[in-house]
Amino acid sequence: MIIIHAGLTVNPEKQEAFLKELQPLIEASRKESGNISYDLKKDTEKENVFTMVEVWQDAAAVASHNASEHFTSFVAKAKEFLAAPLDVKAYEGQPLKH
Protein backbone atom coordinates (compact mmCIF):
# COMPACT_ATOMS: atom_id res chain seq x y z
CA MET A 1 0.00 0.00 0.00
CA ILE A 2 1.27 3.50 -0.88
CA ILE A 3 0.27 6.48 1.27
CA ILE A 4 0.84 9.98 -0.04
CA HIS A 5 0.58 13.26 1.86
CA ALA A 6 0.61 16.22 -0.53
CA GLY A 7 0.90 19.51 1.34
CA LEU A 8 -0.71 22.49 -0.37
CA THR A 9 -0.29 26.08 0.81
CA VAL A 10 -2.93 28.10 -1.01
CA ASN A 11 -2.93 31.79 -1.86
CA PRO A 12 -5.73 33.14 0.42
CA GLU A 13 -7.28 35.18 -2.40
CA LYS A 14 -7.57 32.06 -4.56
CA GLN A 15 -8.74 29.53 -1.97
CA GLU A 16 -12.34 29.40 -3.21
CA ALA A 17 -11.23 28.85 -6.83
CA PHE A 18 -8.69 26.25 -5.65
CA LEU A 19 -11.35 24.25 -3.80
CA LYS A 20 -13.68 24.39 -6.82
CA GLU A 21 -10.90 23.30 -9.20
CA LEU A 22 -9.94 20.43 -6.88
CA GLN A 23 -13.39 18.79 -6.76
CA PRO A 24 -13.22 17.08 -10.18
CA LEU A 25 -9.75 15.74 -9.32
CA ILE A 26 -10.99 14.27 -6.03
CA GLU A 27 -14.09 12.72 -7.59
CA ALA A 28 -12.22 11.19 -10.54
CA SER A 29 -9.32 9.96 -8.39
CA ARG A 30 -11.66 8.13 -6.03
CA LYS A 31 -13.05 6.19 -9.00
CA GLU A 32 -9.63 5.04 -10.21
CA SER A 33 -8.66 1.40 -10.08
CA GLY A 34 -6.29 0.91 -7.16
CA ASN A 35 -7.51 3.90 -5.16
CA ILE A 36 -8.36 3.13 -1.54
CA SER A 37 -9.00 6.72 -0.42
CA TYR A 38 -8.40 10.27 -1.62
CA ASP A 39 -9.25 13.02 0.87
CA LEU A 40 -8.47 16.71 1.26
CA LYS A 41 -7.84 17.81 4.85
CA LYS A 42 -7.64 21.41 6.06
CA ASP A 43 -4.99 22.28 8.64
CA THR A 44 -6.66 23.53 11.81
CA GLU A 45 -3.59 25.44 12.98
CA LYS A 46 -2.34 27.06 9.77
CA GLU A 47 -4.54 29.19 7.56
CA ASN A 48 -4.69 28.27 3.88
CA VAL A 49 -2.84 24.99 4.36
CA PHE A 50 -4.33 21.70 3.15
CA THR A 51 -3.11 18.12 2.87
CA MET A 52 -4.29 15.67 0.25
CA VAL A 53 -4.15 12.26 1.91
CA GLU A 54 -4.08 9.49 -0.70
CA VAL A 55 -3.99 5.74 -0.20
CA TRP A 56 -3.28 3.48 -3.19
CA GLN A 57 -3.05 -0.29 -3.55
CA ASP A 58 0.42 -0.21 -5.11
CA ALA A 59 2.97 1.78 -7.08
CA ALA A 60 1.28 0.88 -10.38
CA ALA A 61 -1.93 2.55 -9.20
CA VAL A 62 0.03 5.69 -8.25
CA ALA A 63 1.77 5.73 -11.65
CA SER A 64 -1.58 5.38 -13.43
CA HIS A 65 -3.04 8.20 -11.33
CA ASN A 66 -0.04 10.47 -12.00
CA ALA A 67 -0.54 9.95 -15.75
CA SER A 68 -4.32 10.48 -15.67
CA GLU A 69 -5.90 13.42 -17.47
CA HIS A 70 -7.62 14.74 -14.33
CA PHE A 71 -4.33 14.71 -12.36
CA THR A 72 -2.12 16.24 -15.07
CA SER A 73 -4.78 18.88 -15.76
CA PHE A 74 -4.90 19.91 -12.11
CA VAL A 75 -1.10 19.96 -11.75
CA ALA A 76 -0.86 22.25 -14.79
CA LYS A 77 -3.20 24.74 -13.07
CA ALA A 78 -2.01 24.28 -9.47
CA LYS A 79 0.73 26.93 -9.56
CA GLU A 80 -1.83 29.69 -10.05
CA PHE A 81 -3.44 28.76 -6.69
CA LEU A 82 -0.42 27.88 -4.56
CA ALA A 83 1.61 30.24 -2.39
CA ALA A 84 4.42 27.67 -1.91
CA PRO A 85 5.70 24.61 -3.78
CA LEU A 86 3.87 21.31 -3.28
CA ASP A 87 5.27 19.29 -0.40
CA VAL A 88 4.78 15.63 -1.33
CA LYS A 89 5.73 12.74 0.93
CA ALA A 90 5.11 9.09 0.01
CA TYR A 91 5.16 6.10 2.35
CA GLU A 92 4.82 2.36 2.08
CA GLY A 93 2.53 0.81 4.65
CA GLN A 94 0.26 -2.06 5.58
CA PRO A 95 -2.73 -2.14 7.90
CA LEU A 96 -1.88 -3.33 11.40
CA LYS A 97 -3.49 -6.56 12.47
CA HIS A 98 -5.17 -6.43 15.88
PDB file of N, CA and C in Angstrom:
ATOM      1  N   MET A   1       0.846  -1.165   0.000  1.00  0.00           N
ATOM      2  CA  MET A   1       0.000   0.000   0.000  1.00  0.00           C
ATOM      3  C   MET A   1       0.897   1.235   0.000  1.00  0.00           C
ATOM      4  N   ILE A   2       0.536   2.245  -0.790  1.00  0.00           N
ATOM      5  CA  ILE A   2       1.269   3.498  -0.883  1.00  0.00           C
ATOM      6  C   ILE A   2       0.391   4.600  -0.284  1.00  0.00           C
ATOM      7  N   ILE A   3       0.975   5.366   0.629  1.00  0.00           N
ATOM      8  CA  ILE A   3       0.269   6.478   1.274  1.00  0.00           C
ATOM      9  C   ILE A   3       1.004   7.754   0.887  1.00  0.00           C
ATOM     10  N   ILE A   4       0.256   8.721   0.397  1.00  0.00           N
ATOM     11  CA  ILE A   4       0.844   9.984  -0.042  1.00  0.00           C
ATOM     12  C   ILE A   4       0.199  11.128   0.733  1.00  0.00           C
ATOM     13  N   HIS A   5       1.038  12.019   1.246  1.00  0.00           N
ATOM     14  CA  HIS A   5       0.578  13.264   1.860  1.00  0.00           C
ATOM     15  C   HIS A   5       1.105  14.397   0.988  1.00  0.00           C
ATOM     16  N   ALA A   6       0.217  15.094   0.320  1.00  0.00           N
ATOM     17  CA  ALA A   6       0.607  16.221  -0.529  1.00  0.00           C
ATOM     18  C   ALA A   6       0.183  17.513   0.157  1.00  0.00           C
ATOM     19  N   GLY A   7       1.178  18.252   0.657  1.00  0.00           N
ATOM     20  CA  GLY A   7       0.901  19.511   1.342  1.00  0.00           C
ATOM     21  C   GLY A   7       0.719  20.639   0.349  1.00  0.00           C
ATOM     22  N   LEU A   8      -0.364  21.401   0.540  1.00  0.00           N
ATOM     23  CA  LEU A   8      -0.710  22.492  -0.368  1.00  0.00           C
ATOM     24  C   LEU A   8      -0.926  23.769   0.442  1.00  0.00           C
ATOM     25  N   THR A   9      -0.107  24.777   0.189  1.00  0.00           N
ATOM     26  CA  THR A   9      -0.295  26.083   0.808  1.00  0.00           C
ATOM     27  C   THR A   9      -0.909  26.982  -0.251  1.00  0.00           C
ATOM     28  N   VAL A  10      -2.136  27.411   0.011  1.00  0.00           N
ATOM     29  CA  VAL A  10      -2.932  28.098  -1.009  1.00  0.00           C
ATOM     30  C   VAL A  10      -2.902  29.611  -0.792  1.00  0.00           C
ATOM     31  N   ASN A  11      -2.809  30.336  -1.895  1.00  0.00           N
ATOM     32  CA  ASN A  11      -2.934  31.787  -1.865  1.00  0.00           C
ATOM     33  C   ASN A  11      -4.325  32.110  -1.305  1.00  0.00           C
ATOM     34  N   PRO A  12      -4.425  32.890  -0.210  1.00  0.00           N
ATOM     35  CA  PRO A  12      -5.727  33.142   0.417  1.00  0.00           C
ATOM     36  C   PRO A  12      -6.771  33.721  -0.530  1.00  0.00           C
ATOM     37  N   GLU A  13      -6.337  34.561  -1.465  1.00  0.00           N
ATOM     38  CA  GLU A  13      -7.284  35.177  -2.398  1.00  0.00           C
ATOM     39  C   GLU A  13      -7.823  34.182  -3.424  1.00  0.00           C
ATOM     40  N   LYS A  14      -7.163  33.041  -3.543  1.00  0.00           N
ATOM     41  CA  LYS A  14      -7.567  32.065  -4.557  1.00  0.00           C
ATOM     42  C   LYS A  14      -8.089  30.760  -3.948  1.00  0.00           C
ATOM     43  N   GLN A  15      -8.328  30.765  -2.642  1.00  0.00           N
ATOM     44  CA  GLN A  15      -8.744  29.530  -1.974  1.00  0.00           C
ATOM     45  C   GLN A  15     -10.070  28.990  -2.513  1.00  0.00           C
ATOM     46  N   GLU A  16     -11.041  29.855  -2.717  1.00  0.00           N
ATOM     47  CA  GLU A  16     -12.341  29.399  -3.212  1.00  0.00           C
ATOM     48  C   GLU A  16     -12.205  28.766  -4.600  1.00  0.00           C
ATOM     49  N   ALA A  17     -11.454  29.393  -5.486  1.00  0.00           N
ATOM     50  CA  ALA A  17     -11.234  28.850  -6.830  1.00  0.00           C
ATOM     51  C   ALA A  17     -10.453  27.543  -6.754  1.00  0.00           C
ATOM     52  N   PHE A  18      -9.470  27.470  -5.858  1.00  0.00           N
ATOM     53  CA  PHE A  18      -8.690  26.250  -5.651  1.00  0.00           C
ATOM     54  C   PHE A  18      -9.606  25.090  -5.248  1.00  0.00           C
ATOM     55  N   LEU A  19     -10.458  25.322  -4.273  1.00  0.00           N
ATOM     56  CA  LEU A  19     -11.352  24.253  -3.801  1.00  0.00           C
ATOM     57  C   LEU A  19     -12.313  23.804  -4.898  1.00  0.00           C
ATOM     58  N   LYS A  20     -12.781  24.738  -5.703  1.00  0.00           N
ATOM     59  CA  LYS A  20     -13.678  24.391  -6.816  1.00  0.00           C
ATOM     60  C   LYS A  20     -12.930  23.585  -7.876  1.00  0.00           C
ATOM     61  N   GLU A  21     -11.711  23.981  -8.189  1.00  0.00           N
ATOM     62  CA  GLU A  21     -10.902  23.295  -9.197  1.00  0.00           C
ATOM     63  C   GLU A  21     -10.504  21.891  -8.735  1.00  0.00           C
ATOM     64  N   LEU A  22     -10.377  21.705  -7.443  1.00  0.00           N
ATOM     65  CA  LEU A  22      -9.945  20.429  -6.881  1.00  0.00           C
ATOM     66  C   LEU A  22     -11.038  19.359  -6.890  1.00  0.00           C
ATOM     67  N   GLN A  23     -12.292  19.763  -6.853  1.00  0.00           N
ATOM     68  CA  GLN A  23     -13.394  18.791  -6.755  1.00  0.00           C
ATOM     69  C   GLN A  23     -13.395  17.735  -7.862  1.00  0.00           C
ATOM     70  N   PRO A  24     -13.252  18.109  -9.137  1.00  0.00           N
ATOM     71  CA  PRO A  24     -13.223  17.079 -10.183  1.00  0.00           C
ATOM     72  C   PRO A  24     -12.056  16.106 -10.018  1.00  0.00           C
ATOM     73  N   LEU A  25     -10.903  16.602  -9.557  1.00  0.00           N
ATOM     74  CA  LEU A  25      -9.752  15.737  -9.317  1.00  0.00           C
ATOM     75  C   LEU A  25     -10.079  14.713  -8.227  1.00  0.00           C
ATOM     76  N   ILE A  26     -10.655  15.170  -7.137  1.00  0.00           N
ATOM     77  CA  ILE A  26     -10.991  14.270  -6.025  1.00  0.00           C
ATOM     78  C   ILE A  26     -11.989  13.209  -6.492  1.00  0.00           C
ATOM     79  N   GLU A  27     -13.047  13.654  -7.148  1.00  0.00           N
ATOM     80  CA  GLU A  27     -14.092  12.716  -7.593  1.00  0.00           C
ATOM     81  C   GLU A  27     -13.540  11.676  -8.567  1.00  0.00           C
ATOM     82  N   ALA A  28     -12.768  12.111  -9.542  1.00  0.00           N
ATOM     83  CA  ALA A  28     -12.220  11.185 -10.539  1.00  0.00           C
ATOM     84  C   ALA A  28     -11.178  10.255  -9.922  1.00  0.00           C
ATOM     85  N   SER A  29     -10.364  10.779  -9.021  1.00  0.00           N
ATOM     86  CA  SER A  29      -9.323   9.961  -8.392  1.00  0.00           C
ATOM     87  C   SER A  29      -9.924   8.845  -7.552  1.00  0.00           C
ATOM     88  N   ARG A  30     -11.004   9.138  -6.854  1.00  0.00           N
ATOM     89  CA  ARG A  30     -11.663   8.127  -6.025  1.00  0.00           C
ATOM     90  C   ARG A  30     -12.221   6.977  -6.849  1.00  0.00           C
ATOM     91  N   LYS A  31     -12.494   7.221  -8.119  1.00  0.00           N
ATOM     92  CA  LYS A  31     -13.052   6.189  -9.005  1.00  0.00           C
ATOM     93  C   LYS A  31     -11.967   5.353  -9.683  1.00  0.00           C
ATOM     94  N   GLU A  32     -10.714   5.750  -9.538  1.00  0.00           N
ATOM     95  CA  GLU A  32      -9.627   5.039 -10.212  1.00  0.00           C
ATOM     96  C   GLU A  32      -9.415   3.644  -9.629  1.00  0.00           C
ATOM     97  N   SER A  33      -9.033   2.733 -10.510  1.00  0.00           N
ATOM     98  CA  SER A  33      -8.657   1.395 -10.079  1.00  0.00           C
ATOM     99  C   SER A  33      -7.419   1.523  -9.195  1.00  0.00           C
ATOM    100  N   GLY A  34      -7.431   0.861  -8.055  1.00  0.00           N
ATOM    101  CA  GLY A  34      -6.289   0.909  -7.158  1.00  0.00           C
ATOM    102  C   GLY A  34      -6.350   1.996  -6.117  1.00  0.00           C
ATOM    103  N   ASN A  35      -7.375   2.862  -6.182  1.00  0.00           N
ATOM    104  CA  ASN A  35      -7.512   3.899  -5.161  1.00  0.00           C
ATOM    105  C   ASN A  35      -8.262   3.340  -3.960  1.00  0.00           C
ATOM    106  N   ILE A  36      -7.704   3.539  -2.782  1.00  0.00           N
ATOM    107  CA  ILE A  36      -8.362   3.127  -1.540  1.00  0.00           C
ATOM    108  C   ILE A  36      -9.049   4.335  -0.904  1.00  0.00           C
ATOM    109  N   SER A  37      -8.366   5.477  -0.894  1.00  0.00           N
ATOM    110  CA  SER A  37      -9.001   6.717  -0.422  1.00  0.00           C
ATOM    111  C   SER A  37      -8.245   7.919  -0.986  1.00  0.00           C
ATOM    112  N   TYR A  38      -8.952   9.042  -1.055  1.00  0.00           N
ATOM    113  CA  TYR A  38      -8.397  10.271  -1.623  1.00  0.00           C
ATOM    114  C   TYR A  38      -9.143  11.422  -0.960  1.00  0.00           C
ATOM    115  N   ASP A  39      -8.540  12.034   0.056  1.00  0.00           N
ATOM    116  CA  ASP A  39      -9.248  13.022   0.870  1.00  0.00           C
ATOM    117  C   ASP A  39      -8.427  14.290   1.070  1.00  0.00           C
ATOM    118  N   LEU A  40      -9.091  15.431   0.978  1.00  0.00           N
ATOM    119  CA  LEU A  40      -8.471  16.712   1.257  1.00  0.00           C
ATOM    120  C   LEU A  40      -8.773  17.088   2.699  1.00  0.00           C
ATOM    121  N   LYS A  41      -7.715  17.419   3.451  1.00  0.00           N
ATOM    122  CA  LYS A  41      -7.844  17.812   4.853  1.00  0.00           C
ATOM    123  C   LYS A  41      -7.330  19.233   5.019  1.00  0.00           C
ATOM    124  N   LYS A  42      -8.063  20.040   5.790  1.00  0.00           N
ATOM    125  CA  LYS A  42      -7.642  21.413   6.058  1.00  0.00           C
ATOM    126  C   LYS A  42      -6.905  21.454   7.391  1.00  0.00           C
ATOM    127  N   ASP A  43      -5.766  22.119   7.411  1.00  0.00           N
ATOM    128  CA  ASP A  43      -4.993  22.275   8.638  1.00  0.00           C
ATOM    129  C   ASP A  43      -5.783  23.166   9.597  1.00  0.00           C
ATOM    130  N   THR A  44      -5.912  22.743  10.829  1.00  0.00           N
ATOM    131  CA  THR A  44      -6.665  23.530  11.814  1.00  0.00           C
ATOM    132  C   THR A  44      -5.796  24.563  12.525  1.00  0.00           C
ATOM    133  N   GLU A  45      -4.486  24.502  12.317  1.00  0.00           N
ATOM    134  CA  GLU A  45      -3.588  25.439  12.983  1.00  0.00           C
ATOM    135  C   GLU A  45      -2.970  26.463  12.042  1.00  0.00           C
ATOM    136  N   LYS A  46      -2.948  26.155  10.753  1.00  0.00           N
ATOM    137  CA  LYS A  46      -2.343  27.062   9.773  1.00  0.00           C
ATOM    138  C   LYS A  46      -3.385  27.433   8.726  1.00  0.00           C
ATOM    139  N   GLU A  47      -3.598  28.719   8.564  1.00  0.00           N
ATOM    140  CA  GLU A  47      -4.543  29.194   7.562  1.00  0.00           C
ATOM    141  C   GLU A  47      -4.061  28.849   6.156  1.00  0.00           C
ATOM    142  N   ASN A  48      -4.971  28.497   5.296  1.00  0.00           N
ATOM    143  CA  ASN A  48      -4.690  28.271   3.877  1.00  0.00           C
ATOM    144  C   ASN A  48      -3.763  27.094   3.603  1.00  0.00           C
ATOM    145  N   VAL A  49      -3.667  26.159   4.544  1.00  0.00           N
ATOM    146  CA  VAL A  49      -2.838  24.985   4.360  1.00  0.00           C
ATOM    147  C   VAL A  49      -3.742  23.745   4.354  1.00  0.00           C
ATOM    148  N   PHE A  50      -3.543  22.921   3.337  1.00  0.00           N
ATOM    149  CA  PHE A  50      -4.327  21.702   3.154  1.00  0.00           C
ATOM    150  C   PHE A  50      -3.371  20.534   2.938  1.00  0.00           C
ATOM    151  N   THR A  51      -3.865  19.328   3.188  1.00  0.00           N
ATOM    152  CA  THR A  51      -3.108  18.122   2.871  1.00  0.00           C
ATOM    153  C   THR A  51      -4.028  17.156   2.134  1.00  0.00           C
ATOM    154  N   MET A  52      -3.581  16.723   0.963  1.00  0.00           N
ATOM    155  CA  MET A  52      -4.290  15.667   0.246  1.00  0.00           C
ATOM    156  C   MET A  52      -3.714  14.358   0.773  1.00  0.00           C
ATOM    157  N   VAL A  53      -4.571  13.543   1.362  1.00  0.00           N
ATOM    158  CA  VAL A  53      -4.151  12.258   1.913  1.00  0.00           C
ATOM    159  C   VAL A  53      -4.675  11.185   0.967  1.00  0.00           C
ATOM    160  N   GLU A  54      -3.737  10.495   0.309  1.00  0.00           N
ATOM    161  CA  GLU A  54      -4.083   9.492  -0.696  1.00  0.00           C
ATOM    162  C   GLU A  54      -3.596   8.126  -0.236  1.00  0.00           C
ATOM    163  N   VAL A  55      -4.411   7.108  -0.472  1.00  0.00           N
ATOM    164  CA  VAL A  55      -3.995   5.738  -0.198  1.00  0.00           C
ATOM    165  C   VAL A  55      -4.273   4.925  -1.459  1.00  0.00           C
ATOM    166  N   TRP A  56      -3.222   4.252  -1.946  1.00  0.00           N
ATOM    167  CA  TRP A  56      -3.279   3.478  -3.192  1.00  0.00           C
ATOM    168  C   TRP A  56      -2.868   2.039  -2.928  1.00  0.00           C
ATOM    169  N   GLN A  57      -3.386   1.126  -3.723  1.00  0.00           N
ATOM    170  CA  GLN A  57      -3.054  -0.292  -3.552  1.00  0.00           C
ATOM    171  C   GLN A  57      -1.574  -0.569  -3.765  1.00  0.00           C
ATOM    172  N   ASP A  58      -0.982   0.080  -4.786  1.00  0.00           N
ATOM    173  CA  ASP A  58       0.415  -0.210  -5.112  1.00  0.00           C
ATOM    174  C   ASP A  58       0.997   0.904  -5.978  1.00  0.00           C
ATOM    175  N   ALA A  59       2.275   0.769  -6.285  1.00  0.00           N
ATOM    176  CA  ALA A  59       2.967   1.781  -7.081  1.00  0.00           C
ATOM    177  C   ALA A  59       2.389   1.906  -8.485  1.00  0.00           C
ATOM    178  N   ALA A  60       1.893   0.828  -9.043  1.00  0.00           N
ATOM    179  CA  ALA A  60       1.284   0.878 -10.384  1.00  0.00           C
ATOM    180  C   ALA A  60       0.046   1.767 -10.371  1.00  0.00           C
ATOM    181  N   ALA A  61      -0.736   1.697  -9.306  1.00  0.00           N
ATOM    182  CA  ALA A  61      -1.929   2.548  -9.195  1.00  0.00           C
ATOM    183  C   ALA A  61      -1.532   4.019  -9.099  1.00  0.00           C
ATOM    184  N   VAL A  62      -0.456   4.309  -8.365  1.00  0.00           N
ATOM    185  CA  VAL A  62       0.032   5.687  -8.254  1.00  0.00           C
ATOM    186  C   VAL A  62       0.518   6.178  -9.615  1.00  0.00           C
ATOM    187  N   ALA A  63       1.254   5.343 -10.326  1.00  0.00           N
ATOM    188  CA  ALA A  63       1.765   5.725 -11.649  1.00  0.00           C
ATOM    189  C   ALA A  63       0.614   6.011 -12.612  1.00  0.00           C
ATOM    190  N   SER A  64      -0.409   5.174 -12.568  1.00  0.00           N
ATOM    191  CA  SER A  64      -1.577   5.375 -13.427  1.00  0.00           C
ATOM    192  C   SER A  64      -2.273   6.695 -13.071  1.00  0.00           C
ATOM    193  N   HIS A  65      -2.420   6.954 -11.787  1.00  0.00           N
ATOM    194  CA  HIS A  65      -3.041   8.203 -11.329  1.00  0.00           C
ATOM    195  C   HIS A  65      -2.222   9.406 -11.802  1.00  0.00           C
ATOM    196  N   ASN A  66      -0.896   9.339 -11.623  1.00  0.00           N
ATOM    197  CA  ASN A  66      -0.045  10.466 -12.003  1.00  0.00           C
ATOM    198  C   ASN A  66      -0.068  10.755 -13.500  1.00  0.00           C
ATOM    199  N   ALA A  67      -0.448   9.768 -14.298  1.00  0.00           N
ATOM    200  CA  ALA A  67      -0.536   9.951 -15.752  1.00  0.00           C
ATOM    201  C   ALA A  67      -1.955  10.290 -16.209  1.00  0.00           C
ATOM    202  N   SER A  68      -2.916  10.267 -15.295  1.00  0.00           N
ATOM    203  CA  SER A  68      -4.318  10.484 -15.672  1.00  0.00           C
ATOM    204  C   SER A  68      -4.557  11.921 -16.117  1.00  0.00           C
ATOM    205  N   GLU A  69      -5.566  12.103 -16.943  1.00  0.00           N
ATOM    206  CA  GLU A  69      -5.898  13.421 -17.467  1.00  0.00           C
ATOM    207  C   GLU A  69      -6.327  14.354 -16.343  1.00  0.00           C
ATOM    208  N   HIS A  70      -7.138  13.862 -15.403  1.00  0.00           N
ATOM    209  CA  HIS A  70      -7.618  14.742 -14.328  1.00  0.00           C
ATOM    210  C   HIS A  70      -6.477  15.197 -13.415  1.00  0.00           C
ATOM    211  N   PHE A  71      -5.472  14.331 -13.196  1.00  0.00           N
ATOM    212  CA  PHE A  71      -4.334  14.714 -12.360  1.00  0.00           C
ATOM    213  C   PHE A  71      -3.414  15.690 -13.105  1.00  0.00           C
ATOM    214  N   THR A  72      -3.032  15.371 -14.326  1.00  0.00           N
ATOM    215  CA  THR A  72      -2.118  16.244 -15.071  1.00  0.00           C
ATOM    216  C   THR A  72      -2.753  17.609 -15.344  1.00  0.00           C
ATOM    217  N   SER A  73      -4.067  17.618 -15.546  1.00  0.00           N
ATOM    218  CA  SER A  73      -4.776  18.878 -15.764  1.00  0.00           C
ATOM    219  C   SER A  73      -4.728  19.747 -14.509  1.00  0.00           C
ATOM    220  N   PHE A  74      -4.953  19.145 -13.343  1.00  0.00           N
ATOM    221  CA  PHE A  74      -4.899  19.915 -12.107  1.00  0.00           C
ATOM    222  C   PHE A  74      -3.478  20.415 -11.837  1.00  0.00           C
ATOM    223  N   VAL A  75      -2.492  19.568 -12.012  1.00  0.00           N
ATOM    224  CA  VAL A  75      -1.102  19.959 -11.753  1.00  0.00           C
ATOM    225  C   VAL A  75      -0.712  21.146 -12.635  1.00  0.00           C
ATOM    226  N   ALA A  76      -1.172  21.147 -13.874  1.00  0.00           N
ATOM    227  CA  ALA A  76      -0.858  22.252 -14.787  1.00  0.00           C
ATOM    228  C   ALA A  76      -1.431  23.576 -14.280  1.00  0.00           C
ATOM    229  N   LYS A  77      -2.552  23.528 -13.575  1.00  0.00           N
ATOM    230  CA  LYS A  77      -3.197  24.742 -13.072  1.00  0.00           C
ATOM    231  C   LYS A  77      -2.801  25.074 -11.640  1.00  0.00           C
ATOM    232  N   ALA A  78      -2.235  24.135 -10.911  1.00  0.00           N
ATOM    233  CA  ALA A  78      -2.007  24.281  -9.473  1.00  0.00           C
ATOM    234  C   ALA A  78      -1.170  25.502  -9.111  1.00  0.00           C
ATOM    235  N   LYS A  79      -0.165  25.824  -9.910  1.00  0.00           N
ATOM    236  CA  LYS A  79       0.733  26.927  -9.565  1.00  0.00           C
ATOM    237  C   LYS A  79       0.001  28.253  -9.425  1.00  0.00           C
ATOM    238  N   GLU A  80      -1.108  28.420 -10.149  1.00  0.00           N
ATOM    239  CA  GLU A  80      -1.829  29.689 -10.048  1.00  0.00           C
ATOM    240  C   GLU A  80      -2.577  29.824  -8.719  1.00  0.00           C
ATOM    241  N   PHE A  81      -2.739  28.727  -7.980  1.00  0.00           N
ATOM    242  CA  PHE A  81      -3.438  28.756  -6.695  1.00  0.00           C
ATOM    243  C   PHE A  81      -2.494  28.693  -5.494  1.00  0.00           C
ATOM    244  N   LEU A  82      -1.309  28.169  -5.690  1.00  0.00           N
ATOM    245  CA  LEU A  82      -0.423  27.877  -4.563  1.00  0.00           C
ATOM    246  C   LEU A  82       0.488  29.044  -4.206  1.00  0.00           C
ATOM    247  N   ALA A  83       0.719  29.200  -2.893  1.00  0.00           N
ATOM    248  CA  ALA A  83       1.607  30.241  -2.389  1.00  0.00           C
ATOM    249  C   ALA A  83       2.988  29.670  -2.072  1.00  0.00           C
ATOM    250  N   ALA A  84       3.140  28.343  -2.177  1.00  0.00           N
ATOM    251  CA  ALA A  84       4.422  27.669  -1.911  1.00  0.00           C
ATOM    252  C   ALA A  84       4.447  26.401  -2.758  1.00  0.00           C
ATOM    253  N   PRO A  85       5.628  25.851  -3.003  1.00  0.00           N
ATOM    254  CA  PRO A  85       5.702  24.608  -3.780  1.00  0.00           C
ATOM    255  C   PRO A  85       4.982  23.464  -3.064  1.00  0.00           C
ATOM    256  N   LEU A  86       4.476  22.519  -3.853  1.00  0.00           N
ATOM    257  CA  LEU A  86       3.870  21.312  -3.284  1.00  0.00           C
ATOM    258  C   LEU A  86       4.884  20.608  -2.391  1.00  0.00           C
ATOM    259  N   ASP A  87       4.416  20.044  -1.310  1.00  0.00           N
ATOM    260  CA  ASP A  87       5.270  19.286  -0.398  1.00  0.00           C
ATOM    261  C   ASP A  87       4.721  17.860  -0.364  1.00  0.00           C
ATOM    262  N   VAL A  88       5.312  16.984  -1.176  1.00  0.00           N
ATOM    263  CA  VAL A  88       4.784  15.627  -1.333  1.00  0.00           C
ATOM    264  C   VAL A  88       5.674  14.623  -0.607  1.00  0.00           C
ATOM    265  N   LYS A  89       5.036  13.820   0.228  1.00  0.00           N
ATOM    266  CA  LYS A  89       5.730  12.744   0.934  1.00  0.00           C
ATOM    267  C   LYS A  89       4.983  11.447   0.646  1.00  0.00           C
ATOM    268  N   ALA A  90       5.728  10.392   0.305  1.00  0.00           N
ATOM    269  CA  ALA A  90       5.113   9.091   0.009  1.00  0.00           C
ATOM    270  C   ALA A  90       5.680   8.045   0.962  1.00  0.00           C
ATOM    271  N   TYR A  91       4.792   7.139   1.386  1.00  0.00           N
ATOM    272  CA  TYR A  91       5.162   6.101   2.349  1.00  0.00           C
ATOM    273  C   TYR A  91       4.636   4.754   1.886  1.00  0.00           C
ATOM    274  N   GLU A  92       5.334   3.709   2.265  1.00  0.00           N
ATOM    275  CA  GLU A  92       4.817   2.360   2.083  1.00  0.00           C
ATOM    276  C   GLU A  92       4.259   1.914   3.416  1.00  0.00           C
ATOM    277  N   GLY A  93       3.114   1.248   3.400  1.00  0.00           N
ATOM    278  CA  GLY A  93       2.525   0.813   4.653  1.00  0.00           C
ATOM    279  C   GLY A  93       1.576  -0.347   4.461  1.00  0.00           C
ATOM    280  N   GLN A  94       1.246  -0.968   5.561  1.00  0.00           N
ATOM    281  CA  GLN A  94       0.264  -2.059   5.578  1.00  0.00           C
ATOM    282  C   GLN A  94      -0.599  -1.860   6.809  1.00  0.00           C
ATOM    283  N   PRO A  95      -1.877  -2.244   6.726  1.00  0.00           N
ATOM    284  CA  PRO A  95      -2.732  -2.142   7.903  1.00  0.00           C
ATOM    285  C   PRO A  95      -2.189  -3.040   9.023  1.00  0.00           C
ATOM    286  N   LEU A  96      -2.280  -2.549  10.235  1.00  0.00           N
ATOM    287  CA  LEU A  96      -1.875  -3.328  11.398  1.00  0.00           C
ATOM    288  C   LEU A  96      -2.959  -4.356  11.717  1.00  0.00           C
ATOM    289  N   LYS A  97      -2.539  -5.520  12.076  1.00  0.00           N
ATOM    290  CA  LYS A  97      -3.492  -6.557  12.471  1.00  0.00           C
ATOM    291  C   LYS A  97      -3.657  -6.486  13.982  1.00  0.00           C
ATOM    292  N   HIS A  98      -4.883  -6.508  14.434  1.00  0.00           N
ATOM    293  CA  HIS A  98      -5.172  -6.427  15.875  1.00  0.00           C
ATOM    294  C   HIS A  98      -5.228  -7.799  16.493  1.00  0.00           C
TER     295      HIS A  98
END
